[in-house]
Every structure is written in structure tokens, then in C-alpha cells.
Amino acid sequence: MADPVKPRSYDNSRREARTRATRAQVIEAARALFVERGYIATSIEAIGAAADVPVATLYRLFGTKRAILSAVLDVAFVGDDEPIALHDRSDVKALHDEPDPRLFLAGFAHLAREVLDRSGAFQEILRSAAQVDPEAAQLLADINAQRYTGQANVARGLVARDALADGITEKYAHDTIYVLMSPEVRQILMVERQWTSDQYEQWLRDTLCATLLDRTRHR
């Protein structure tokens, strides 16, 4: 008697690959349109046309225009569409193993430079949109909250290394890092004052070290 035929398991890898490719098309098209037209003037219909993706598919994949901008920013923050958060990336994890506080801060200054080089223009678009669009304002608030939470790890790392200057608390260090690494400060220096990325990174590194570290122990 022949063995019964086993039902074939459904392989959805191709479908997932198509979905990921479509998302990437939409994100790239939206990225270009947001830069060219701004967030408010860019419609979902325009994004669909530029990406050659039906509007119904855009709504199925993203739901809202705000979600599309959020996806554009997510890719800009980490540099790709891999589902790995910034703090879980290998280069970020390696920074937490650095025992020297100056090199620790230098590493995060370099990381901030890279992230803001990729995302600074889109964060400026979001800040402009937030003035008139409630959904954009909520997204901006969410991103700022996430950034503040993530940068707590830098302040906590300085405390763990016993590196803070006398009188500087972990909260003071955390708030200082949040301000100095902000996209607003980067916008002033690199767009308004026309600094280069190298100048910005060097300033950020030196200012963090001079402001936060105990200079008698960490030269």
C-alpha cells in the first residue's frame, strides 16, 4: 500500500520577499517626494504613483501617510530596512564594552553624526509638518521620547565608569546628551553655519567630554 501523500507546507518566503520589496519601493519614493515637496504637500496618491504601487496596497502595507514617514525615518536612522533596532546593532553594542569614557563618548558622537547625516533632513521635514499637522506632531513627540530613552544608556554608561565630574548627576548628564545630540543643534551647525560632518562630530565629542567628564581622571 502506498504511503499517503503528505500535504505540502505553505512557503510564504516569496510573498514576504515581494512585500518587503514593495515596502522598499514605497519608502524610497516617499523619501524623494518628502524632500522635494515636504510632508504636507505630498499625498498618498503621489507616493503610490511615484512608487508604481496601487494606493490600496499602500493603505494595506502602511495604513497612513504618517506611518510611511515613520518608515522613512526608521530606515534613515539605521541605514537599512533590517528589523534590528539601533541599540541592538553590533557597532552600538561594541561601544558599551569600551572602558575608556572619552572613547566611549567619541564612539557615540560618531554614531550620532552617522544617524543625523542620514535622518537630519527628514527630521527637519517632520518638525515643519508638526507645526500644522497633529499626526506629524505626535510622531515627532514619539521620536523625541524614544531618543531620550535611548540616550539614557550613554549617561548610564558614564555613571558605570565612574566618569562624571563632581556635581554632575546622571539626570544632568542625560539631559545634556539629549540636547547636544539633538537634530536641532546639528541643524544649526551644519545647515545654518555650514559646518562639515567632520567638524560637527569633533565638536560634539569635545563638548561632551569637556562638559561631563572628570578631567583629573580622564584626560
N, C-alpha and C. Protein backbone atom coordinates (compact mmCIF):
# COMPACT_ATOMS: atom_id res chain seq x y z
N MET A 1 0.85 -1.20 0.00
CA MET A 1 0.00 0.00 0.00
C MET A 1 0.88 1.24 0.00
N ALA A 2 0.59 2.18 -0.88
CA ALA A 2 1.42 3.37 -1.00
C ALA A 2 1.24 4.27 0.21
N ASP A 3 2.34 4.93 0.60
CA ASP A 3 2.26 5.88 1.70
C ASP A 3 1.35 7.04 1.31
N PRO A 4 0.55 7.52 2.26
CA PRO A 4 -0.33 8.66 1.94
C PRO A 4 0.51 9.90 1.62
N VAL A 5 0.01 10.68 0.70
CA VAL A 5 0.71 11.90 0.30
C VAL A 5 0.54 12.94 1.40
N LYS A 6 1.65 13.46 1.87
CA LYS A 6 1.60 14.48 2.91
C LYS A 6 1.30 15.84 2.29
N PRO A 7 0.47 16.64 2.93
CA PRO A 7 0.18 17.97 2.39
C PRO A 7 1.44 18.84 2.46
N ARG A 8 1.67 19.59 1.40
CA ARG A 8 2.84 20.45 1.35
C ARG A 8 2.62 21.68 2.23
N SER A 9 3.64 22.01 3.02
CA SER A 9 3.54 23.21 3.85
C SER A 9 3.63 24.44 2.97
N TYR A 10 2.91 25.47 3.33
CA TYR A 10 2.86 26.68 2.53
C TYR A 10 4.14 27.49 2.75
N ASP A 11 4.85 27.75 1.67
CA ASP A 11 6.08 28.53 1.74
C ASP A 11 5.75 29.98 1.37
N ASN A 12 5.74 30.85 2.37
CA ASN A 12 5.39 32.24 2.11
C ASN A 12 6.61 33.13 1.97
N SER A 13 7.80 32.53 1.81
CA SER A 13 9.02 33.33 1.73
C SER A 13 9.01 34.24 0.51
N ARG A 14 8.48 33.74 -0.61
CA ARG A 14 8.43 34.59 -1.80
C ARG A 14 7.48 35.75 -1.60
N ARG A 15 6.36 35.48 -0.98
CA ARG A 15 5.40 36.55 -0.72
C ARG A 15 6.01 37.59 0.20
N GLU A 16 6.70 37.15 1.23
CA GLU A 16 7.34 38.09 2.15
C GLU A 16 8.40 38.92 1.43
N ALA A 17 9.14 38.27 0.52
CA ALA A 17 10.17 39.00 -0.23
C ALA A 17 9.53 40.06 -1.12
N ARG A 18 8.41 39.72 -1.76
CA ARG A 18 7.71 40.69 -2.59
C ARG A 18 7.18 41.86 -1.76
N THR A 19 6.64 41.52 -0.60
CA THR A 19 6.12 42.57 0.27
C THR A 19 7.23 43.51 0.73
N ARG A 20 8.37 42.93 1.09
CA ARG A 20 9.50 43.75 1.53
C ARG A 20 10.00 44.63 0.39
N ALA A 21 10.05 44.07 -0.82
CA ALA A 21 10.49 44.85 -1.98
C ALA A 21 9.52 45.99 -2.27
N THR A 22 8.23 45.73 -2.13
CA THR A 22 7.23 46.77 -2.36
C THR A 22 7.35 47.87 -1.31
N ARG A 23 7.53 47.47 -0.07
CA ARG A 23 7.72 48.46 1.00
C ARG A 23 8.93 49.34 0.70
N ALA A 24 10.01 48.71 0.25
CA ALA A 24 11.22 49.47 -0.05
C ALA A 24 10.99 50.46 -1.18
N GLN A 25 10.21 50.05 -2.20
CA GLN A 25 9.87 50.96 -3.30
C GLN A 25 9.10 52.17 -2.78
N VAL A 26 8.13 51.90 -1.93
CA VAL A 26 7.30 52.98 -1.39
C VAL A 26 8.14 53.92 -0.54
N ILE A 27 8.99 53.36 0.31
CA ILE A 27 9.82 54.19 1.20
C ILE A 27 10.76 55.07 0.39
N GLU A 28 11.36 54.51 -0.64
CA GLU A 28 12.28 55.30 -1.46
C GLU A 28 11.53 56.41 -2.21
N ALA A 29 10.36 56.08 -2.76
CA ALA A 29 9.57 57.09 -3.47
C ALA A 29 9.11 58.19 -2.51
N ALA A 30 8.66 57.79 -1.33
CA ALA A 30 8.21 58.78 -0.35
C ALA A 30 9.37 59.65 0.12
N ARG A 31 10.52 59.03 0.32
CA ARG A 31 11.70 59.79 0.74
C ARG A 31 11.99 60.93 -0.24
N ALA A 32 11.99 60.61 -1.53
CA ALA A 32 12.28 61.63 -2.54
C ALA A 32 11.20 62.71 -2.57
N LEU A 33 9.94 62.31 -2.47
CA LEU A 33 8.85 63.28 -2.53
C LEU A 33 8.82 64.17 -1.29
N PHE A 34 9.09 63.60 -0.12
CA PHE A 34 9.10 64.42 1.10
C PHE A 34 10.18 65.49 1.02
N VAL A 35 11.34 65.13 0.47
CA VAL A 35 12.42 66.10 0.33
C VAL A 35 12.05 67.16 -0.70
N GLU A 36 11.44 66.73 -1.81
CA GLU A 36 11.12 67.65 -2.90
C GLU A 36 9.95 68.57 -2.56
N ARG A 37 8.88 68.01 -1.96
CA ARG A 37 7.65 68.75 -1.78
C ARG A 37 7.32 69.09 -0.33
N GLY A 38 7.94 68.38 0.61
CA GLY A 38 7.53 68.50 2.00
C GLY A 38 6.46 67.48 2.35
N TYR A 39 6.23 67.30 3.62
CA TYR A 39 5.29 66.27 4.08
C TYR A 39 3.85 66.64 3.75
N ILE A 40 3.46 67.86 4.04
CA ILE A 40 2.06 68.26 3.89
C ILE A 40 1.63 68.19 2.42
N ALA A 41 2.50 68.62 1.51
CA ALA A 41 2.14 68.69 0.09
C ALA A 41 2.23 67.34 -0.62
N THR A 42 2.74 66.34 0.05
CA THR A 42 2.88 65.01 -0.56
C THR A 42 1.68 64.15 -0.18
N SER A 43 0.94 63.71 -1.17
CA SER A 43 -0.24 62.88 -0.91
C SER A 43 0.13 61.39 -1.04
N ILE A 44 -0.71 60.57 -0.45
CA ILE A 44 -0.52 59.12 -0.59
C ILE A 44 -0.65 58.72 -2.07
N GLU A 45 -1.55 59.40 -2.78
CA GLU A 45 -1.72 59.10 -4.20
C GLU A 45 -0.43 59.40 -4.97
N ALA A 46 0.25 60.49 -4.63
CA ALA A 46 1.50 60.84 -5.30
C ALA A 46 2.59 59.82 -4.98
N ILE A 47 2.61 59.36 -3.74
CA ILE A 47 3.60 58.34 -3.36
C ILE A 47 3.34 57.06 -4.14
N GLY A 48 2.07 56.66 -4.23
CA GLY A 48 1.74 55.45 -4.98
C GLY A 48 2.13 55.55 -6.44
N ALA A 49 1.88 56.72 -7.04
CA ALA A 49 2.25 56.91 -8.44
C ALA A 49 3.75 56.86 -8.63
N ALA A 50 4.49 57.51 -7.74
CA ALA A 50 5.95 57.52 -7.86
C ALA A 50 6.55 56.14 -7.64
N ALA A 51 5.92 55.36 -6.76
CA ALA A 51 6.43 54.02 -6.47
C ALA A 51 5.87 52.96 -7.42
N ASP A 52 4.88 53.36 -8.24
CA ASP A 52 4.17 52.42 -9.12
C ASP A 52 3.53 51.31 -8.30
N VAL A 53 2.87 51.74 -7.22
CA VAL A 53 2.20 50.80 -6.32
C VAL A 53 0.77 51.30 -6.13
N PRO A 54 -0.23 50.43 -6.27
CA PRO A 54 -1.62 50.86 -6.08
C PRO A 54 -1.84 51.47 -4.69
N VAL A 55 -2.70 52.49 -4.64
CA VAL A 55 -2.97 53.15 -3.37
C VAL A 55 -3.54 52.17 -2.35
N ALA A 56 -4.37 51.24 -2.81
CA ALA A 56 -4.92 50.23 -1.89
C ALA A 56 -3.82 49.42 -1.23
N THR A 57 -2.75 49.15 -1.98
CA THR A 57 -1.62 48.40 -1.42
C THR A 57 -0.88 49.25 -0.39
N LEU A 58 -0.75 50.55 -0.64
CA LEU A 58 -0.11 51.44 0.33
C LEU A 58 -0.87 51.43 1.65
N TYR A 59 -2.20 51.52 1.56
CA TYR A 59 -3.00 51.50 2.79
C TYR A 59 -2.88 50.16 3.50
N ARG A 60 -2.79 49.09 2.72
CA ARG A 60 -2.66 47.76 3.35
C ARG A 60 -1.32 47.61 4.05
N LEU A 61 -0.25 48.13 3.43
CA LEU A 61 1.10 47.96 3.99
C LEU A 61 1.39 48.95 5.11
N PHE A 62 0.87 50.19 5.00
CA PHE A 62 1.25 51.23 5.94
C PHE A 62 0.07 51.81 6.73
N GLY A 63 -1.07 51.93 6.10
CA GLY A 63 -2.24 52.46 6.79
C GLY A 63 -2.42 53.95 6.65
N THR A 64 -1.37 54.74 6.94
CA THR A 64 -1.48 56.19 6.90
C THR A 64 -0.21 56.80 6.32
N LYS A 65 -0.30 58.07 5.94
CA LYS A 65 0.88 58.78 5.46
C LYS A 65 1.88 58.95 6.58
N ARG A 66 1.38 59.16 7.79
CA ARG A 66 2.28 59.27 8.95
C ARG A 66 3.12 58.00 9.10
N ALA A 67 2.49 56.83 8.89
CA ALA A 67 3.22 55.58 9.01
C ALA A 67 4.29 55.45 7.91
N ILE A 68 4.02 56.02 6.74
CA ILE A 68 5.02 56.00 5.68
C ILE A 68 6.21 56.86 6.07
N LEU A 69 5.95 58.07 6.60
CA LEU A 69 7.05 58.92 7.06
C LEU A 69 7.82 58.25 8.18
N SER A 70 7.11 57.58 9.08
CA SER A 70 7.78 56.85 10.17
C SER A 70 8.70 55.78 9.62
N ALA A 71 8.26 55.07 8.56
CA ALA A 71 9.09 54.04 7.94
C ALA A 71 10.31 54.67 7.26
N VAL A 72 10.11 55.82 6.62
CA VAL A 72 11.24 56.53 6.00
C VAL A 72 12.27 56.88 7.07
N LEU A 73 11.81 57.38 8.21
CA LEU A 73 12.72 57.75 9.29
C LEU A 73 13.40 56.52 9.89
N ASP A 74 12.66 55.43 10.05
CA ASP A 74 13.26 54.20 10.60
C ASP A 74 14.44 53.74 9.75
N VAL A 75 14.27 53.77 8.43
CA VAL A 75 15.36 53.37 7.55
C VAL A 75 16.51 54.36 7.64
N ALA A 76 16.19 55.66 7.72
CA ALA A 76 17.24 56.67 7.81
C ALA A 76 18.02 56.53 9.12
N PHE A 77 17.35 56.20 10.19
CA PHE A 77 18.03 56.08 11.49
C PHE A 77 19.09 54.98 11.46
N VAL A 78 18.75 53.82 10.91
CA VAL A 78 19.66 52.67 11.00
C VAL A 78 20.41 52.40 9.70
N GLY A 79 19.95 52.97 8.57
CA GLY A 79 20.68 52.82 7.32
C GLY A 79 20.21 51.69 6.42
N ASP A 80 19.22 50.90 6.88
CA ASP A 80 18.69 49.82 6.05
C ASP A 80 17.31 49.45 6.57
N ASP A 81 16.67 48.46 5.93
CA ASP A 81 15.33 48.07 6.36
C ASP A 81 15.32 46.77 7.15
N GLU A 82 16.48 46.38 7.67
CA GLU A 82 16.52 45.19 8.52
C GLU A 82 15.77 45.46 9.82
N PRO A 83 15.01 44.49 10.32
CA PRO A 83 14.22 44.71 11.53
C PRO A 83 15.05 44.60 12.81
N ILE A 84 16.12 45.38 12.87
CA ILE A 84 17.02 45.36 14.03
C ILE A 84 17.12 46.78 14.55
N ALA A 85 16.73 47.00 15.80
CA ALA A 85 16.76 48.34 16.39
C ALA A 85 18.19 48.85 16.49
N LEU A 86 18.33 50.17 16.52
CA LEU A 86 19.66 50.77 16.55
C LEU A 86 20.48 50.28 17.75
N HIS A 87 19.86 50.21 18.92
CA HIS A 87 20.61 49.82 20.11
C HIS A 87 20.98 48.33 20.11
N ASP A 88 20.38 47.55 19.18
CA ASP A 88 20.73 46.14 19.08
C ASP A 88 21.76 45.86 18.00
N ARG A 89 22.23 46.90 17.31
CA ARG A 89 23.22 46.73 16.25
C ARG A 89 24.59 46.43 16.87
N SER A 90 25.39 45.67 16.14
CA SER A 90 26.66 45.21 16.68
C SER A 90 27.61 46.36 17.01
N ASP A 91 27.62 47.41 16.17
CA ASP A 91 28.55 48.51 16.44
C ASP A 91 28.14 49.29 17.68
N VAL A 92 26.84 49.38 17.94
CA VAL A 92 26.39 50.06 19.15
C VAL A 92 26.69 49.22 20.38
N LYS A 93 26.45 47.92 20.28
CA LYS A 93 26.77 47.04 21.40
C LYS A 93 28.26 47.08 21.73
N ALA A 94 29.10 47.19 20.71
CA ALA A 94 30.54 47.23 20.94
C ALA A 94 30.94 48.47 21.74
N LEU A 95 30.24 49.57 21.54
CA LEU A 95 30.55 50.79 22.28
C LEU A 95 30.39 50.58 23.78
N HIS A 96 29.44 49.78 24.18
CA HIS A 96 29.18 49.58 25.60
C HIS A 96 30.28 48.74 26.26
N ASP A 97 31.14 48.14 25.46
CA ASP A 97 32.27 47.38 26.02
C ASP A 97 33.54 48.23 26.13
N GLU A 98 33.46 49.50 25.67
CA GLU A 98 34.63 50.38 25.70
C GLU A 98 34.83 50.93 27.12
N PRO A 99 35.96 50.62 27.76
CA PRO A 99 36.16 51.06 29.15
C PRO A 99 36.56 52.53 29.29
N ASP A 100 37.18 53.10 28.27
CA ASP A 100 37.66 54.49 28.35
C ASP A 100 36.49 55.44 28.11
N PRO A 101 36.15 56.30 29.08
CA PRO A 101 34.99 57.20 28.92
C PRO A 101 35.11 58.14 27.73
N ARG A 102 36.33 58.60 27.44
CA ARG A 102 36.50 59.51 26.30
C ARG A 102 36.23 58.79 24.99
N LEU A 103 36.75 57.58 24.87
CA LEU A 103 36.49 56.81 23.66
C LEU A 103 35.03 56.38 23.58
N PHE A 104 34.44 56.12 24.74
CA PHE A 104 33.02 55.79 24.82
C PHE A 104 32.18 56.93 24.25
N LEU A 105 32.46 58.16 24.68
CA LEU A 105 31.72 59.32 24.18
C LEU A 105 32.07 59.62 22.72
N ALA A 106 33.33 59.42 22.36
CA ALA A 106 33.73 59.63 20.96
C ALA A 106 32.96 58.68 20.04
N GLY A 107 32.78 57.45 20.49
CA GLY A 107 32.03 56.48 19.69
C GLY A 107 30.58 56.89 19.50
N PHE A 108 29.97 57.41 20.56
CA PHE A 108 28.58 57.84 20.44
C PHE A 108 28.46 59.15 19.66
N ALA A 109 29.48 59.99 19.71
CA ALA A 109 29.47 61.19 18.87
C ALA A 109 29.52 60.79 17.40
N HIS A 110 30.33 59.79 17.08
CA HIS A 110 30.40 59.30 15.70
C HIS A 110 29.08 58.67 15.28
N LEU A 111 28.48 57.91 16.18
CA LEU A 111 27.18 57.30 15.88
C LEU A 111 26.12 58.36 15.63
N ALA A 112 26.09 59.40 16.47
CA ALA A 112 25.13 60.48 16.30
C ALA A 112 25.33 61.17 14.97
N ARG A 113 26.59 61.39 14.59
CA ARG A 113 26.89 62.02 13.30
C ARG A 113 26.33 61.18 12.15
N GLU A 114 26.55 59.86 12.20
CA GLU A 114 26.07 58.99 11.12
C GLU A 114 24.54 58.98 11.05
N VAL A 115 23.89 58.85 12.21
CA VAL A 115 22.43 58.80 12.24
C VAL A 115 21.84 60.11 11.73
N LEU A 116 22.40 61.23 12.17
CA LEU A 116 21.85 62.52 11.77
C LEU A 116 22.20 62.89 10.34
N ASP A 117 23.34 62.40 9.84
CA ASP A 117 23.63 62.61 8.42
C ASP A 117 22.57 61.95 7.55
N ARG A 118 22.08 60.79 7.99
CA ARG A 118 21.06 60.07 7.22
C ARG A 118 19.66 60.63 7.45
N SER A 119 19.37 61.06 8.67
CA SER A 119 17.99 61.38 9.02
C SER A 119 17.71 62.86 9.26
N GLY A 120 18.74 63.68 9.32
CA GLY A 120 18.56 65.08 9.71
C GLY A 120 17.57 65.82 8.83
N ALA A 121 17.66 65.63 7.51
CA ALA A 121 16.75 66.34 6.60
C ALA A 121 15.31 65.92 6.84
N PHE A 122 15.07 64.64 7.09
CA PHE A 122 13.71 64.16 7.30
C PHE A 122 13.17 64.60 8.66
N GLN A 123 14.04 64.69 9.65
CA GLN A 123 13.59 65.19 10.95
C GLN A 123 13.21 66.66 10.86
N GLU A 124 13.92 67.42 10.03
CA GLU A 124 13.56 68.82 9.81
C GLU A 124 12.21 68.92 9.09
N ILE A 125 11.97 68.04 8.11
CA ILE A 125 10.67 67.98 7.44
C ILE A 125 9.57 67.68 8.45
N LEU A 126 9.84 66.73 9.35
CA LEU A 126 8.86 66.36 10.36
C LEU A 126 8.59 67.53 11.31
N ARG A 127 9.63 68.24 11.73
CA ARG A 127 9.42 69.38 12.64
C ARG A 127 8.56 70.45 11.98
N SER A 128 8.80 70.70 10.71
CA SER A 128 7.98 71.69 9.99
C SER A 128 6.53 71.23 9.90
N ALA A 129 6.34 69.95 9.57
CA ALA A 129 4.99 69.42 9.44
C ALA A 129 4.25 69.42 10.77
N ALA A 130 5.00 69.20 11.86
CA ALA A 130 4.38 69.10 13.19
C ALA A 130 3.71 70.40 13.61
N GLN A 131 4.09 71.52 13.01
CA GLN A 131 3.50 72.80 13.37
C GLN A 131 2.06 72.92 12.91
N VAL A 132 1.68 72.14 11.89
CA VAL A 132 0.33 72.28 11.33
C VAL A 132 -0.43 70.96 11.26
N ASP A 133 0.25 69.84 11.48
CA ASP A 133 -0.39 68.53 11.32
C ASP A 133 -0.31 67.75 12.63
N PRO A 134 -1.45 67.45 13.26
CA PRO A 134 -1.43 66.75 14.56
C PRO A 134 -0.75 65.39 14.50
N GLU A 135 -0.94 64.65 13.41
CA GLU A 135 -0.31 63.33 13.31
C GLU A 135 1.21 63.46 13.26
N ALA A 136 1.70 64.45 12.51
CA ALA A 136 3.14 64.68 12.45
C ALA A 136 3.66 65.12 13.82
N ALA A 137 2.88 65.94 14.52
CA ALA A 137 3.29 66.38 15.86
C ALA A 137 3.41 65.20 16.81
N GLN A 138 2.47 64.25 16.71
CA GLN A 138 2.54 63.07 17.57
C GLN A 138 3.74 62.20 17.23
N LEU A 139 4.03 62.06 15.92
CA LEU A 139 5.19 61.28 15.52
C LEU A 139 6.47 61.92 16.02
N LEU A 140 6.56 63.25 15.94
CA LEU A 140 7.74 63.95 16.45
C LEU A 140 7.90 63.72 17.95
N ALA A 141 6.79 63.81 18.68
CA ALA A 141 6.85 63.57 20.12
C ALA A 141 7.31 62.14 20.43
N ASP A 142 6.80 61.18 19.67
CA ASP A 142 7.20 59.78 19.87
C ASP A 142 8.69 59.59 19.61
N ILE A 143 9.19 60.18 18.53
CA ILE A 143 10.61 60.03 18.18
C ILE A 143 11.49 60.68 19.24
N ASN A 144 11.10 61.86 19.71
CA ASN A 144 11.89 62.53 20.75
C ASN A 144 11.91 61.71 22.03
N ALA A 145 10.78 61.12 22.37
CA ALA A 145 10.72 60.28 23.57
C ALA A 145 11.61 59.05 23.43
N GLN A 146 11.60 58.44 22.24
CA GLN A 146 12.45 57.28 22.00
C GLN A 146 13.93 57.65 22.06
N ARG A 147 14.24 58.82 21.50
CA ARG A 147 15.64 59.27 21.51
C ARG A 147 16.11 59.52 22.95
N TYR A 148 15.26 60.15 23.74
CA TYR A 148 15.62 60.43 25.13
C TYR A 148 15.83 59.13 25.90
N THR A 149 14.94 58.17 25.68
CA THR A 149 15.07 56.88 26.35
C THR A 149 16.35 56.17 25.92
N GLY A 150 16.64 56.18 24.62
CA GLY A 150 17.84 55.51 24.14
C GLY A 150 19.12 56.15 24.65
N GLN A 151 19.14 57.48 24.74
CA GLN A 151 20.35 58.16 25.17
C GLN A 151 20.60 58.05 26.67
N ALA A 152 19.62 57.52 27.39
CA ALA A 152 19.86 57.22 28.81
C ALA A 152 20.99 56.23 28.96
N ASN A 153 21.18 55.35 27.96
CA ASN A 153 22.25 54.36 28.04
C ASN A 153 23.63 55.01 28.05
N VAL A 154 23.76 56.16 27.39
CA VAL A 154 25.06 56.85 27.37
C VAL A 154 25.35 57.41 28.76
N ALA A 155 24.37 58.10 29.34
CA ALA A 155 24.56 58.65 30.68
C ALA A 155 24.81 57.54 31.69
N ARG A 156 24.05 56.47 31.57
CA ARG A 156 24.21 55.34 32.49
C ARG A 156 25.60 54.72 32.34
N GLY A 157 26.11 54.69 31.11
CA GLY A 157 27.44 54.15 30.89
C GLY A 157 28.52 54.99 31.54
N LEU A 158 28.34 56.31 31.55
CA LEU A 158 29.32 57.18 32.22
C LEU A 158 29.29 56.98 33.73
N VAL A 159 28.11 56.78 34.28
CA VAL A 159 28.00 56.51 35.72
C VAL A 159 28.68 55.19 36.04
N ALA A 160 28.46 54.18 35.22
CA ALA A 160 29.06 52.87 35.46
C ALA A 160 30.58 52.93 35.41
N ARG A 161 31.13 53.87 34.64
CA ARG A 161 32.59 54.02 34.53
C ARG A 161 33.13 55.02 35.55
N ASP A 162 32.26 55.51 36.43
CA ASP A 162 32.65 56.50 37.44
C ASP A 162 33.37 57.67 36.77
N ALA A 163 32.79 58.15 35.68
CA ALA A 163 33.48 59.13 34.83
C ALA A 163 32.95 60.55 34.97
N LEU A 164 31.80 60.75 35.60
CA LEU A 164 31.22 62.08 35.65
C LEU A 164 31.98 63.00 36.59
N ALA A 165 32.08 64.26 36.19
CA ALA A 165 32.73 65.27 37.03
C ALA A 165 31.91 65.48 38.31
N ASP A 166 32.57 65.98 39.34
CA ASP A 166 31.89 66.24 40.60
C ASP A 166 30.71 67.19 40.39
N GLY A 167 29.59 66.87 41.02
CA GLY A 167 28.42 67.72 40.95
C GLY A 167 27.50 67.43 39.78
N ILE A 168 27.94 66.58 38.88
CA ILE A 168 27.10 66.24 37.73
C ILE A 168 26.37 64.94 38.01
N THR A 169 25.06 65.01 38.00
CA THR A 169 24.24 63.84 38.25
C THR A 169 23.97 63.09 36.94
N GLU A 170 23.47 61.89 37.08
CA GLU A 170 23.12 61.11 35.89
C GLU A 170 22.03 61.82 35.08
N LYS A 171 21.05 62.42 35.77
CA LYS A 171 19.99 63.13 35.04
C LYS A 171 20.54 64.35 34.30
N TYR A 172 21.44 65.08 34.95
CA TYR A 172 22.05 66.24 34.27
C TYR A 172 22.81 65.78 33.03
N ALA A 173 23.57 64.71 33.17
CA ALA A 173 24.31 64.17 32.03
C ALA A 173 23.36 63.73 30.92
N HIS A 174 22.28 63.05 31.31
CA HIS A 174 21.30 62.56 30.35
C HIS A 174 20.68 63.73 29.57
N ASP A 175 20.25 64.76 30.29
CA ASP A 175 19.64 65.91 29.63
C ASP A 175 20.63 66.63 28.73
N THR A 176 21.88 66.73 29.17
CA THR A 176 22.92 67.39 28.36
C THR A 176 23.17 66.63 27.07
N ILE A 177 23.27 65.31 27.17
CA ILE A 177 23.47 64.47 25.98
C ILE A 177 22.29 64.63 25.02
N TYR A 178 21.08 64.65 25.58
CA TYR A 178 19.87 64.79 24.75
C TYR A 178 19.90 66.10 23.96
N VAL A 179 20.35 67.18 24.59
CA VAL A 179 20.40 68.48 23.90
C VAL A 179 21.53 68.51 22.87
N LEU A 180 22.72 68.11 23.28
CA LEU A 180 23.88 68.23 22.39
C LEU A 180 23.76 67.31 21.17
N MET A 181 23.13 66.15 21.34
CA MET A 181 22.97 65.21 20.23
C MET A 181 21.68 65.43 19.45
N SER A 182 20.98 66.52 19.72
CA SER A 182 19.69 66.74 19.09
C SER A 182 19.83 67.12 17.62
N PRO A 183 18.84 66.78 16.80
CA PRO A 183 18.86 67.20 15.41
C PRO A 183 18.78 68.72 15.26
N GLU A 184 18.17 69.40 16.25
CA GLU A 184 18.08 70.85 16.18
C GLU A 184 19.45 71.50 16.25
N VAL A 185 20.31 71.03 17.16
CA VAL A 185 21.66 71.58 17.27
C VAL A 185 22.46 71.27 16.00
N ARG A 186 22.32 70.06 15.52
CA ARG A 186 23.01 69.69 14.27
C ARG A 186 22.54 70.56 13.11
N GLN A 187 21.25 70.87 13.05
CA GLN A 187 20.70 71.71 12.00
C GLN A 187 21.34 73.12 12.03
N ILE A 188 21.49 73.67 13.22
CA ILE A 188 22.10 75.00 13.35
C ILE A 188 23.53 74.98 12.84
N LEU A 189 24.30 74.00 13.29
CA LEU A 189 25.73 73.99 12.96
C LEU A 189 25.99 73.62 11.51
N MET A 190 25.27 72.64 10.98
CA MET A 190 25.60 72.12 9.65
C MET A 190 24.83 72.80 8.52
N VAL A 191 23.63 73.27 8.81
CA VAL A 191 22.85 73.93 7.76
C VAL A 191 23.00 75.44 7.85
N GLU A 192 22.73 75.99 9.04
CA GLU A 192 22.82 77.45 9.19
C GLU A 192 24.25 77.94 9.13
N ARG A 193 25.15 77.26 9.88
CA ARG A 193 26.55 77.71 9.95
C ARG A 193 27.45 76.97 8.96
N GLN A 194 26.90 75.99 8.27
CA GLN A 194 27.57 75.30 7.17
C GLN A 194 28.85 74.56 7.60
N TRP A 195 28.78 73.95 8.78
CA TRP A 195 29.88 73.08 9.19
C TRP A 195 29.84 71.79 8.38
N THR A 196 30.99 71.12 8.33
CA THR A 196 31.05 69.79 7.72
C THR A 196 30.67 68.74 8.77
N SER A 197 30.42 67.54 8.31
CA SER A 197 30.13 66.43 9.23
C SER A 197 31.30 66.18 10.17
N ASP A 198 32.53 66.27 9.65
CA ASP A 198 33.71 66.06 10.49
C ASP A 198 33.79 67.12 11.58
N GLN A 199 33.54 68.38 11.23
CA GLN A 199 33.56 69.45 12.23
C GLN A 199 32.51 69.23 13.30
N TYR A 200 31.31 68.84 12.86
CA TYR A 200 30.23 68.59 13.82
C TYR A 200 30.60 67.46 14.77
N GLU A 201 31.12 66.36 14.26
CA GLU A 201 31.47 65.23 15.11
C GLU A 201 32.56 65.60 16.11
N GLN A 202 33.58 66.32 15.65
CA GLN A 202 34.66 66.72 16.55
C GLN A 202 34.14 67.63 17.65
N TRP A 203 33.29 68.59 17.27
CA TRP A 203 32.70 69.49 18.27
C TRP A 203 31.87 68.71 19.28
N LEU A 204 31.04 67.79 18.79
CA LEU A 204 30.18 67.03 19.68
C LEU A 204 31.00 66.19 20.65
N ARG A 205 32.02 65.53 20.14
CA ARG A 205 32.89 64.72 21.00
C ARG A 205 33.56 65.58 22.06
N ASP A 206 34.18 66.67 21.63
CA ASP A 206 34.93 67.51 22.57
C ASP A 206 34.01 68.17 23.59
N THR A 207 32.83 68.59 23.16
CA THR A 207 31.90 69.26 24.07
C THR A 207 31.33 68.29 25.09
N LEU A 208 30.99 67.09 24.66
CA LEU A 208 30.52 66.09 25.61
C LEU A 208 31.58 65.78 26.67
N CYS A 209 32.80 65.58 26.21
CA CYS A 209 33.88 65.25 27.15
C CYS A 209 34.16 66.40 28.11
N ALA A 210 34.24 67.62 27.58
CA ALA A 210 34.56 68.78 28.41
C ALA A 210 33.45 69.09 29.41
N THR A 211 32.21 68.82 29.02
CA THR A 211 31.07 69.17 29.87
C THR A 211 30.81 68.13 30.95
N LEU A 212 31.04 66.87 30.66
CA LEU A 212 30.58 65.81 31.54
C LEU A 212 31.67 65.09 32.32
N LEU A 213 32.86 64.97 31.75
CA LEU A 213 33.86 64.09 32.36
C LEU A 213 34.69 64.77 33.44
N ASP A 214 35.12 63.97 34.40
CA ASP A 214 36.08 64.40 35.40
C ASP A 214 37.44 64.49 34.74
N ARG A 215 37.93 65.70 34.52
CA ARG A 215 39.16 65.89 33.74
C ARG A 215 40.40 65.42 34.49
N THR A 216 40.33 65.33 35.82
CA THR A 216 41.51 64.91 36.56
C THR A 216 41.78 63.42 36.39
N ARG A 217 40.72 62.66 36.04
CA ARG A 217 40.88 61.21 35.91
C ARG A 217 40.87 60.74 34.45
N HIS A 218 40.30 61.55 33.56
CA HIS A 218 40.11 61.10 32.19
C HIS A 218 40.61 62.18 31.25
N ARG A 219 41.88 62.11 30.91
CA ARG A 219 42.48 63.09 30.02
C ARG A 219 42.55 62.55 28.62
